[in-house]
């Protein structure tokens, strides 16, 4: 596998210059970019001109990761030219979150094959129910196919996200790339680092990813009580206090959910994934060191098993809530991932509205929030 990384900004253009000689039908172009660059059509056209035969995937961000640094208002691009790995792309249009399950099935059906080894999914971050999306994917694909990815971001604005469609940014779409053959190596790891606090509460009324009541009380009003003066900044300030859905009585296993929007009239909150009626939930808050350690733990998980060699790309997808909490220390978590990965590993990624990954190897993918989720890609010689 031959790999090159490129960064674009309006002020400096492409750094370094694009290298069209690695374009091929076995080449993958991955683009993570600022929502503000949707108007920079020339940048996307230049990529298409340089890599006309390549497969492309990407989406908007709440911050772009490039090696061990984090940027805003840029494009972070990785170009991978495989030697033996076949690629295929699939996309669907989605206008309503209730279409998410069927959209996931359609993506999986388009990519499914006996030699499929992995799928990378980048989805619109606002019009999709991530839980239903991955449930649809899991309905079709076998569990030994590694499925990872994330939901596109829009900073802390929650207004409009995009994914790459025909080399241009477009809202209301889900895009995926399938990797085929025995040569490709795809590893994954996902960890959080949040602490639970306050009483455990029962979800007494919800509809998929819309939460109406906790313990019979309006969910939004209850959430505002916890936020105090920060309630005026909703929905973005809710990222500081995500919701944990407890998967066992002891609360040792849980799934974290991030708020995407609020409805004052209905006193409801819409999350990136399902909040099942009858579930036990608890609020969470951050500890800086635990968040950074969680990023390193994700990398350690990705490196379990046989060693990877040659050029290695790590795709780091971290939740926007982690960036808001870590502030100036957010680069510590992207540096922590590289400490556990093979020497010379390159890294791109983005801050997202949701992360897609299995919990452990051999399991179906899940939607996560507030995690650092890694996808490590290499190819055997």
Protein backbone atom coordinates (compact mmCIF):
# COMPACT_ATOMS: atom_id res chain seq x y z
CA UNK A 1 0.00 0.00 0.00
CA UNK A 2 1.25 3.45 -0.96
CA UNK A 3 -0.03 6.33 1.16
CA UNK A 4 0.07 10.13 0.98
CA UNK A 5 -1.55 12.73 3.26
CA UNK A 6 -2.58 16.22 2.17
CA UNK A 7 -4.00 19.28 3.95
CA UNK A 8 -5.93 22.13 2.34
CA UNK A 9 -6.75 25.61 3.61
CA UNK A 10 -8.14 28.63 1.80
CA UNK A 11 -5.03 30.66 2.63
CA UNK A 12 -2.34 28.12 1.72
CA UNK A 13 -4.01 25.77 -0.77
CA UNK A 14 -2.76 22.16 -0.91
CA UNK A 15 0.18 21.12 1.26
CA UNK A 16 2.02 19.27 -0.17
CA UNK A 17 1.00 19.42 -3.82
CA UNK A 18 -1.36 16.65 -4.94
CA UNK A 19 0.33 13.59 -6.49
CA UNK A 20 -1.86 12.24 -9.32
CA UNK A 21 0.52 9.35 -10.04
CA UNK A 22 -1.01 7.31 -7.22
CA UNK A 23 -4.48 7.50 -8.81
CA UNK A 24 -5.94 4.09 -9.76
CA UNK A 25 -9.05 1.95 -9.43
CA UNK A 26 -7.41 0.51 -6.28
CA UNK A 27 -6.93 3.98 -4.74
CA UNK A 28 -9.06 5.35 -1.90
CA UNK A 29 -9.35 9.08 -1.17
CA UNK A 30 -10.63 9.96 2.32
CA UNK A 31 -11.69 13.58 2.94
CA UNK A 32 -12.60 15.15 6.28
CA UNK A 33 -13.37 18.87 6.11
CA UNK A 34 -14.78 21.92 7.76
CA UNK A 35 -18.47 22.64 7.10
CA UNK A 36 -17.41 26.15 6.01
CA UNK A 37 -15.48 24.74 3.06
CA UNK A 38 -18.66 23.60 1.32
CA UNK A 39 -18.24 26.73 -0.83
CA UNK A 40 -14.65 25.82 -1.75
CA UNK A 41 -15.72 23.87 -4.82
CA UNK A 42 -12.32 24.34 -6.44
CA UNK A 43 -10.63 22.25 -3.75
CA UNK A 44 -12.94 19.31 -4.37
CA UNK A 45 -12.67 19.72 -8.14
CA UNK A 46 -8.87 19.66 -7.86
CA UNK A 47 -9.07 16.38 -5.94
CA UNK A 48 -11.33 14.85 -8.57
CA UNK A 49 -8.98 16.04 -11.34
CA UNK A 50 -5.95 14.55 -9.57
CA UNK A 51 -7.62 11.22 -8.71
CA UNK A 52 -10.33 10.63 -11.36
CA UNK A 53 -10.21 6.83 -11.16
CA UNK A 54 -10.13 6.62 -7.36
CA UNK A 55 -12.84 5.72 -4.87
CA UNK A 56 -13.77 8.63 -2.57
CA UNK A 57 -15.47 9.00 0.81
CA UNK A 58 -15.63 11.79 3.40
CA UNK A 59 -17.69 14.15 5.46
CA UNK A 60 -17.90 17.40 7.45
CA UNK A 61 -16.44 17.78 10.90
CA UNK A 62 -16.37 19.53 14.23
CA UNK A 63 -12.59 19.74 13.80
CA UNK A 64 -10.10 18.00 11.50
CA UNK A 65 -7.36 15.66 12.76
CA UNK A 66 -4.09 15.60 10.82
CA UNK A 67 -1.37 13.41 12.34
CA UNK A 68 -1.05 14.68 15.94
CA UNK A 69 -2.68 18.09 15.37
CA UNK A 70 -6.26 19.41 15.22
CA UNK A 71 -7.39 22.08 12.78
CA UNK A 72 -10.49 24.04 11.84
CA UNK A 73 -11.43 25.34 8.38
CA UNK A 74 -9.25 22.80 6.55
CA UNK A 75 -9.49 19.57 4.58
CA UNK A 76 -7.58 16.57 5.95
CA UNK A 77 -7.07 14.06 3.14
CA UNK A 78 -5.50 10.60 2.98
CA UNK A 79 -4.89 8.85 -0.34
CA UNK A 80 -4.27 5.10 -0.16
CA UNK A 81 -3.19 3.15 -3.23
CA UNK A 82 -3.67 -0.55 -2.52
CA UNK A 83 -1.84 -3.31 -4.36
CA UNK A 84 -4.27 -6.20 -3.93
CA UNK A 85 -7.38 -4.79 -2.25
CA UNK A 86 -10.51 -4.20 -4.32
CA UNK A 87 -12.72 -1.25 -3.38
CA UNK A 88 -16.42 -0.55 -3.94
CA UNK A 89 -18.53 2.45 -2.99
CA UNK A 90 -22.20 2.69 -2.01
CA UNK A 91 -24.43 5.59 -1.08
CA UNK A 92 -28.05 6.32 -0.29
CA UNK A 93 -30.02 9.51 0.11
CA UNK A 94 -31.85 10.06 3.39
CA UNK A 95 -34.28 12.83 4.25
CA UNK A 96 -35.77 11.56 7.51
CA UNK A 97 -34.33 9.70 10.48
CA UNK A 98 -37.08 7.08 10.20
CA UNK A 99 -35.43 5.91 6.95
CA UNK A 100 -32.20 5.02 8.76
CA UNK A 101 -32.78 1.28 9.15
CA UNK A 102 -33.65 0.79 5.49
CA UNK A 103 -30.73 3.00 4.48
CA UNK A 104 -28.35 0.78 6.45
CA UNK A 105 -29.75 -2.32 4.77
CA UNK A 106 -29.37 -0.75 1.33
CA UNK A 107 -25.74 0.19 1.98
CA UNK A 108 -24.95 -3.33 3.19
CA UNK A 109 -26.77 -5.03 0.30
CA UNK A 110 -24.82 -2.98 -2.23
CA UNK A 111 -21.46 -3.91 -0.69
CA UNK A 112 -22.04 -7.46 0.56
CA UNK A 113 -19.86 -10.18 -0.97
CA UNK A 114 -18.12 -13.35 0.17
CA UNK A 115 -14.73 -11.60 0.07
CA UNK A 116 -15.85 -8.41 1.87
CA UNK A 117 -13.53 -7.75 4.83
CA UNK A 118 -14.52 -4.31 6.04
CA UNK A 119 -16.78 -1.30 5.53
CA UNK A 120 -16.12 2.37 6.32
CA UNK A 121 -19.31 4.44 6.69
CA UNK A 122 -19.60 8.23 6.78
CA UNK A 123 -23.14 9.48 7.32
CA UNK A 124 -24.96 12.79 7.45
CA UNK A 125 -24.88 13.68 11.13
CA UNK A 126 -28.26 15.30 11.64
CA UNK A 127 -30.88 13.52 9.51
CA UNK A 128 -29.88 10.00 10.57
CA UNK A 129 -30.66 7.82 13.58
CA UNK A 130 -27.25 6.18 13.98
CA UNK A 131 -28.59 3.24 16.00
CA UNK A 132 -31.07 2.32 13.29
CA UNK A 133 -28.44 2.81 10.59
CA UNK A 134 -26.08 0.27 12.14
CA UNK A 135 -28.98 -2.08 12.93
CA UNK A 136 -29.81 -2.10 9.24
CA UNK A 137 -26.19 -2.80 8.32
CA UNK A 138 -26.00 -5.63 10.86
CA UNK A 139 -29.19 -7.15 9.44
CA UNK A 140 -27.31 -7.93 6.22
CA UNK A 141 -23.58 -8.24 6.91
CA UNK A 142 -21.97 -11.14 8.80
CA UNK A 143 -20.29 -10.27 12.10
CA UNK A 144 -16.79 -11.04 10.81
CA UNK A 145 -17.00 -8.02 8.48
CA UNK A 146 -15.47 -5.07 10.36
CA UNK A 147 -17.76 -2.03 10.11
CA UNK A 148 -16.52 1.33 11.38
CA UNK A 149 -17.06 5.02 10.68
CA UNK A 150 -18.91 8.02 12.01
CA UNK A 151 -21.59 10.69 11.70
CA UNK A 152 -20.51 13.95 10.07
CA UNK A 153 -20.24 17.04 12.27
CA UNK A 154 -20.96 20.77 12.17
CA UNK A 155 -18.89 22.16 15.04
CA UNK A 156 -21.14 22.96 17.98
CA UNK A 157 -23.80 24.49 15.69
CA UNK A 158 -25.88 21.37 14.83
CA UNK A 159 -27.26 23.09 11.72
CA UNK A 160 -26.03 21.30 8.58
CA UNK A 161 -23.61 18.47 7.82
CA UNK A 162 -22.39 16.98 4.53
CA UNK A 163 -20.81 13.88 3.07
CA UNK A 164 -18.92 13.51 -0.21
CA UNK A 165 -21.18 12.66 -3.16
CA UNK A 166 -19.61 12.57 -6.62
CA UNK A 167 -16.57 14.46 -5.27
CA UNK A 168 -18.70 17.32 -3.92
CA UNK A 169 -20.17 17.92 -0.43
CA UNK A 170 -23.90 17.14 -0.14
CA UNK A 171 -26.32 16.95 2.79
CA UNK A 172 -28.82 14.14 3.38
CA UNK A 173 -26.60 11.27 2.26
CA UNK A 174 -24.87 8.20 3.67
CA UNK A 175 -21.70 6.99 1.99
CA UNK A 176 -19.68 3.81 2.48
CA UNK A 177 -16.65 2.02 1.04
CA UNK A 178 -16.16 -1.74 1.06
CA UNK A 179 -12.71 -3.39 1.26
CA UNK A 180 -12.35 -6.80 -0.42
CA UNK A 181 -9.76 -9.58 -0.36
CA UNK A 182 -7.40 -11.21 2.11
CA UNK A 183 -4.61 -8.63 1.80
CA UNK A 184 -6.33 -5.77 3.60
CA UNK A 185 -5.87 -5.45 7.39
CA UNK A 186 -8.52 -3.52 9.30
CA UNK A 187 -8.27 -3.06 13.06
CA UNK A 188 -10.55 -1.13 15.38
CA UNK A 189 -10.74 0.19 18.92
CA UNK A 190 -13.23 2.38 20.79
CA UNK A 191 -13.10 3.78 24.33
CA UNK A 192 -14.67 6.60 26.31
CA UNK A 193 -13.45 7.78 29.71
CA UNK A 194 -16.54 9.44 31.22
CA UNK A 195 -17.77 9.08 34.81
CA UNK A 196 -21.42 8.62 35.76
CA UNK A 197 -23.05 10.79 38.42
CA UNK A 198 -26.44 11.51 39.93
CA UNK A 199 -29.34 9.09 40.35
CA UNK A 200 -30.23 6.36 37.89
CA UNK A 201 -33.48 7.11 36.10
CA UNK A 202 -35.98 5.17 34.02
CA UNK A 203 -36.91 6.18 30.48
CA UNK A 204 -40.68 6.36 30.80
CA UNK A 205 -41.45 7.77 27.35
CA UNK A 206 -39.39 7.79 24.16
CA UNK A 207 -39.71 7.19 20.43
CA UNK A 208 -36.51 5.67 19.02
CA UNK A 209 -33.94 8.48 19.44
CA UNK A 210 -36.37 11.08 20.85
CA UNK A 211 -36.55 11.20 24.65
CA UNK A 212 -39.69 12.67 26.22
CA UNK A 213 -39.77 11.59 29.87
CA UNK A 214 -37.46 10.35 32.62
CA UNK A 215 -39.17 8.97 35.75
CA UNK A 216 -42.43 10.42 34.41
CA UNK A 217 -40.99 13.97 34.22
CA UNK A 218 -40.25 16.04 31.09
CA UNK A 219 -36.75 15.09 29.96
CA UNK A 220 -35.69 18.55 28.81
CA UNK A 221 -36.76 20.23 32.05
CA UNK A 222 -34.86 17.64 34.07
CA UNK A 223 -31.76 18.07 31.92
CA UNK A 224 -31.94 21.84 32.35
CA UNK A 225 -31.97 21.41 36.13
CA UNK A 226 -28.64 19.59 35.90
CA UNK A 227 -27.12 22.10 33.50
CA UNK A 228 -28.09 25.14 35.58
CA UNK A 229 -26.84 28.35 33.95
CA UNK A 230 -25.40 26.29 31.08
CA UNK A 231 -28.95 25.42 29.97
CA UNK A 232 -29.08 28.61 27.88
CA UNK A 233 -26.46 27.08 25.59
CA UNK A 234 -28.48 23.99 24.67
CA UNK A 235 -28.15 21.80 22.68
CA UNK A 236 -24.34 22.22 22.51
CA UNK A 237 -23.83 22.44 26.30
CA UNK A 238 -25.53 19.04 26.69
CA UNK A 239 -22.37 17.60 25.13
CA UNK A 240 -20.69 18.22 28.48
CA UNK A 241 -23.17 15.86 30.18
CA UNK A 242 -23.98 12.91 27.89
CA UNK A 243 -26.48 10.21 28.80
CA UNK A 244 -25.42 6.65 29.61
CA UNK A 245 -27.82 3.82 28.80
CA UNK A 246 -27.00 1.10 31.31
CA UNK A 247 -26.77 -2.37 29.77
CA UNK A 248 -26.48 -4.31 33.04
CA UNK A 249 -27.77 -3.90 36.59
CA UNK A 250 -24.34 -2.97 37.94
CA UNK A 251 -23.89 -0.22 35.36
CA UNK A 252 -20.52 -1.61 34.28
CA UNK A 253 -21.58 -1.88 30.64
CA UNK A 254 -23.24 1.11 29.04
CA UNK A 255 -23.83 2.93 25.77
CA UNK A 256 -23.37 6.69 25.66
CA UNK A 257 -25.74 8.99 23.79
CA UNK A 258 -25.18 12.58 22.60
CA UNK A 259 -27.91 15.23 22.25
CA UNK A 260 -28.42 16.56 18.70
CA UNK A 261 -31.39 18.88 19.19
CA UNK A 262 -34.10 19.95 21.63
CA UNK A 263 -37.80 20.74 21.31
CA UNK A 264 -38.99 23.32 23.86
CA UNK A 265 -42.67 22.80 23.06
CA UNK A 266 -42.54 19.02 23.47
CA UNK A 267 -39.92 19.25 26.23
CA UNK A 268 -38.02 16.52 24.38
CA UNK A 269 -34.44 15.83 23.35
CA UNK A 270 -33.28 14.13 20.16
CA UNK A 271 -30.16 11.97 20.48
CA UNK A 272 -27.74 10.58 17.89
CA UNK A 273 -29.03 7.07 18.60
CA UNK A 274 -31.91 5.26 20.25
CA UNK A 275 -32.86 5.79 23.89
CA UNK A 276 -35.15 2.78 24.45
CA UNK A 277 -38.30 3.15 26.52
CA UNK A 278 -37.89 1.25 29.80
CA UNK A 279 -34.10 1.61 29.81
CA UNK A 280 -32.17 2.74 32.89
CA UNK A 281 -30.02 5.81 32.26
CA UNK A 282 -27.62 8.03 34.14
CA UNK A 283 -25.90 11.32 33.38
CA UNK A 284 -22.14 11.39 32.80
CA UNK A 285 -19.40 13.98 33.16
CA UNK A 286 -15.77 14.13 32.10
CA UNK A 287 -12.43 13.62 33.77
CA UNK A 288 -9.62 15.03 31.62
CA UNK A 289 -7.08 12.32 32.33
CA UNK A 290 -9.59 9.53 31.85
CA UNK A 291 -10.62 10.90 28.45
CA UNK A 292 -7.00 11.03 27.30
CA UNK A 293 -6.28 7.57 28.71
CA UNK A 294 -9.38 6.32 26.90
CA UNK A 295 -7.90 7.41 23.56
CA UNK A 296 -4.74 5.44 24.31
CA UNK A 297 -6.83 2.46 25.37
CA UNK A 298 -8.65 2.56 22.02
CA UNK A 299 -5.31 2.36 20.20
CA UNK A 300 -4.16 -0.52 22.41
CA UNK A 301 -7.36 -2.40 21.56
CA UNK A 302 -6.76 -1.83 17.84
CA UNK A 303 -3.29 -3.34 18.11
CA UNK A 304 -4.37 -6.63 19.68
CA UNK A 305 -3.60 -9.66 17.55
CA UNK A 306 -1.12 -10.02 14.70
CA UNK A 307 1.21 -7.09 14.01
CA UNK A 308 0.57 -4.80 11.05
CA UNK A 309 3.44 -3.75 8.80
CA UNK A 310 4.24 -1.42 5.92
CA UNK A 311 2.35 1.85 5.50
CA UNK A 312 -0.34 2.20 8.18
CA UNK A 313 -3.18 4.71 8.30
CA UNK A 314 -5.16 5.39 11.46
CA UNK A 315 -8.58 7.03 11.08
CA UNK A 316 -9.38 8.71 14.40
CA UNK A 317 -13.03 9.66 14.97
CA UNK A 318 -13.68 11.40 18.28
CA UNK A 319 -16.92 12.94 19.54
CA UNK A 320 -17.39 16.71 19.46
CA UNK A 321 -18.27 16.54 23.16
CA UNK A 322 -14.76 15.34 23.97
CA UNK A 323 -13.30 18.32 22.14
CA UNK A 324 -15.50 20.78 24.03
CA UNK A 325 -14.54 19.24 27.35
CA UNK A 326 -10.81 18.87 26.67
CA UNK A 327 -10.46 22.34 25.15
CA UNK A 328 -6.78 23.20 24.73
CA UNK A 329 -5.86 19.68 25.80
CA UNK A 330 -7.73 17.98 22.95
CA UNK A 331 -4.50 17.38 21.02
CA UNK A 332 -3.37 15.21 23.93
CA UNK A 333 -5.88 12.55 22.92
CA UNK A 334 -4.80 12.42 19.27
CA UNK A 335 -1.17 12.23 20.40
CA UNK A 336 -2.10 9.41 22.79
CA UNK A 337 -3.47 7.27 19.96
CA UNK A 338 -0.20 7.45 18.02
CA UNK A 339 1.83 6.38 21.05
CA UNK A 340 0.29 2.89 20.89
CA UNK A 341 0.36 2.46 17.11
CA UNK A 342 3.29 1.22 14.98
CA UNK A 343 6.11 3.70 14.39
CA UNK A 344 5.50 5.73 11.26
CA UNK A 345 1.70 5.43 11.40
CA UNK A 346 -0.02 8.39 9.73
CA UNK A 347 -3.32 9.68 11.05
CA UNK A 348 -6.30 11.66 9.85
CA UNK A 349 -9.74 11.94 11.36
CA UNK A 350 -12.42 14.24 12.65
CA UNK A 351 -14.62 15.26 15.57
CA UNK A 352 -18.04 13.76 14.96
CA UNK A 353 -21.68 13.53 16.04
CA UNK A 354 -21.38 9.77 16.55
CA UNK A 355 -18.90 6.91 16.13
CA UNK A 356 -19.46 3.47 14.56
CA UNK A 357 -17.44 0.46 15.68
CA UNK A 358 -17.82 -3.00 17.24
CA UNK A 359 -17.19 -3.22 20.97
CA UNK A 360 -14.68 -6.04 20.44
CA UNK A 361 -13.45 -8.08 17.49
CA UNK A 362 -15.98 -10.51 16.04
CA UNK A 363 -19.02 -8.54 17.18
CA UNK A 364 -21.44 -6.52 15.08
CA UNK A 365 -20.92 -2.76 14.90
CA UNK A 366 -22.60 -0.37 17.33
CA UNK A 367 -23.25 3.36 17.44
CA UNK A 368 -21.19 5.07 20.12
CA UNK A 369 -21.12 8.64 21.40
CA UNK A 370 -18.41 10.47 23.33
CA UNK A 371 -15.75 7.91 22.42
CA UNK A 372 -12.45 7.93 20.58
CA UNK A 373 -12.94 5.33 17.83
CA UNK A 374 -10.05 4.17 15.66
CA UNK A 375 -9.87 2.34 12.35
CA UNK A 376 -6.37 1.14 11.47
CA UNK A 377 -5.82 0.19 7.81
CA UNK A 378 -2.83 -1.57 6.27
CA UNK A 379 -2.17 -4.15 3.54
CA UNK A 380 -0.04 -7.27 3.65
CA UNK A 381 2.76 -7.48 1.11
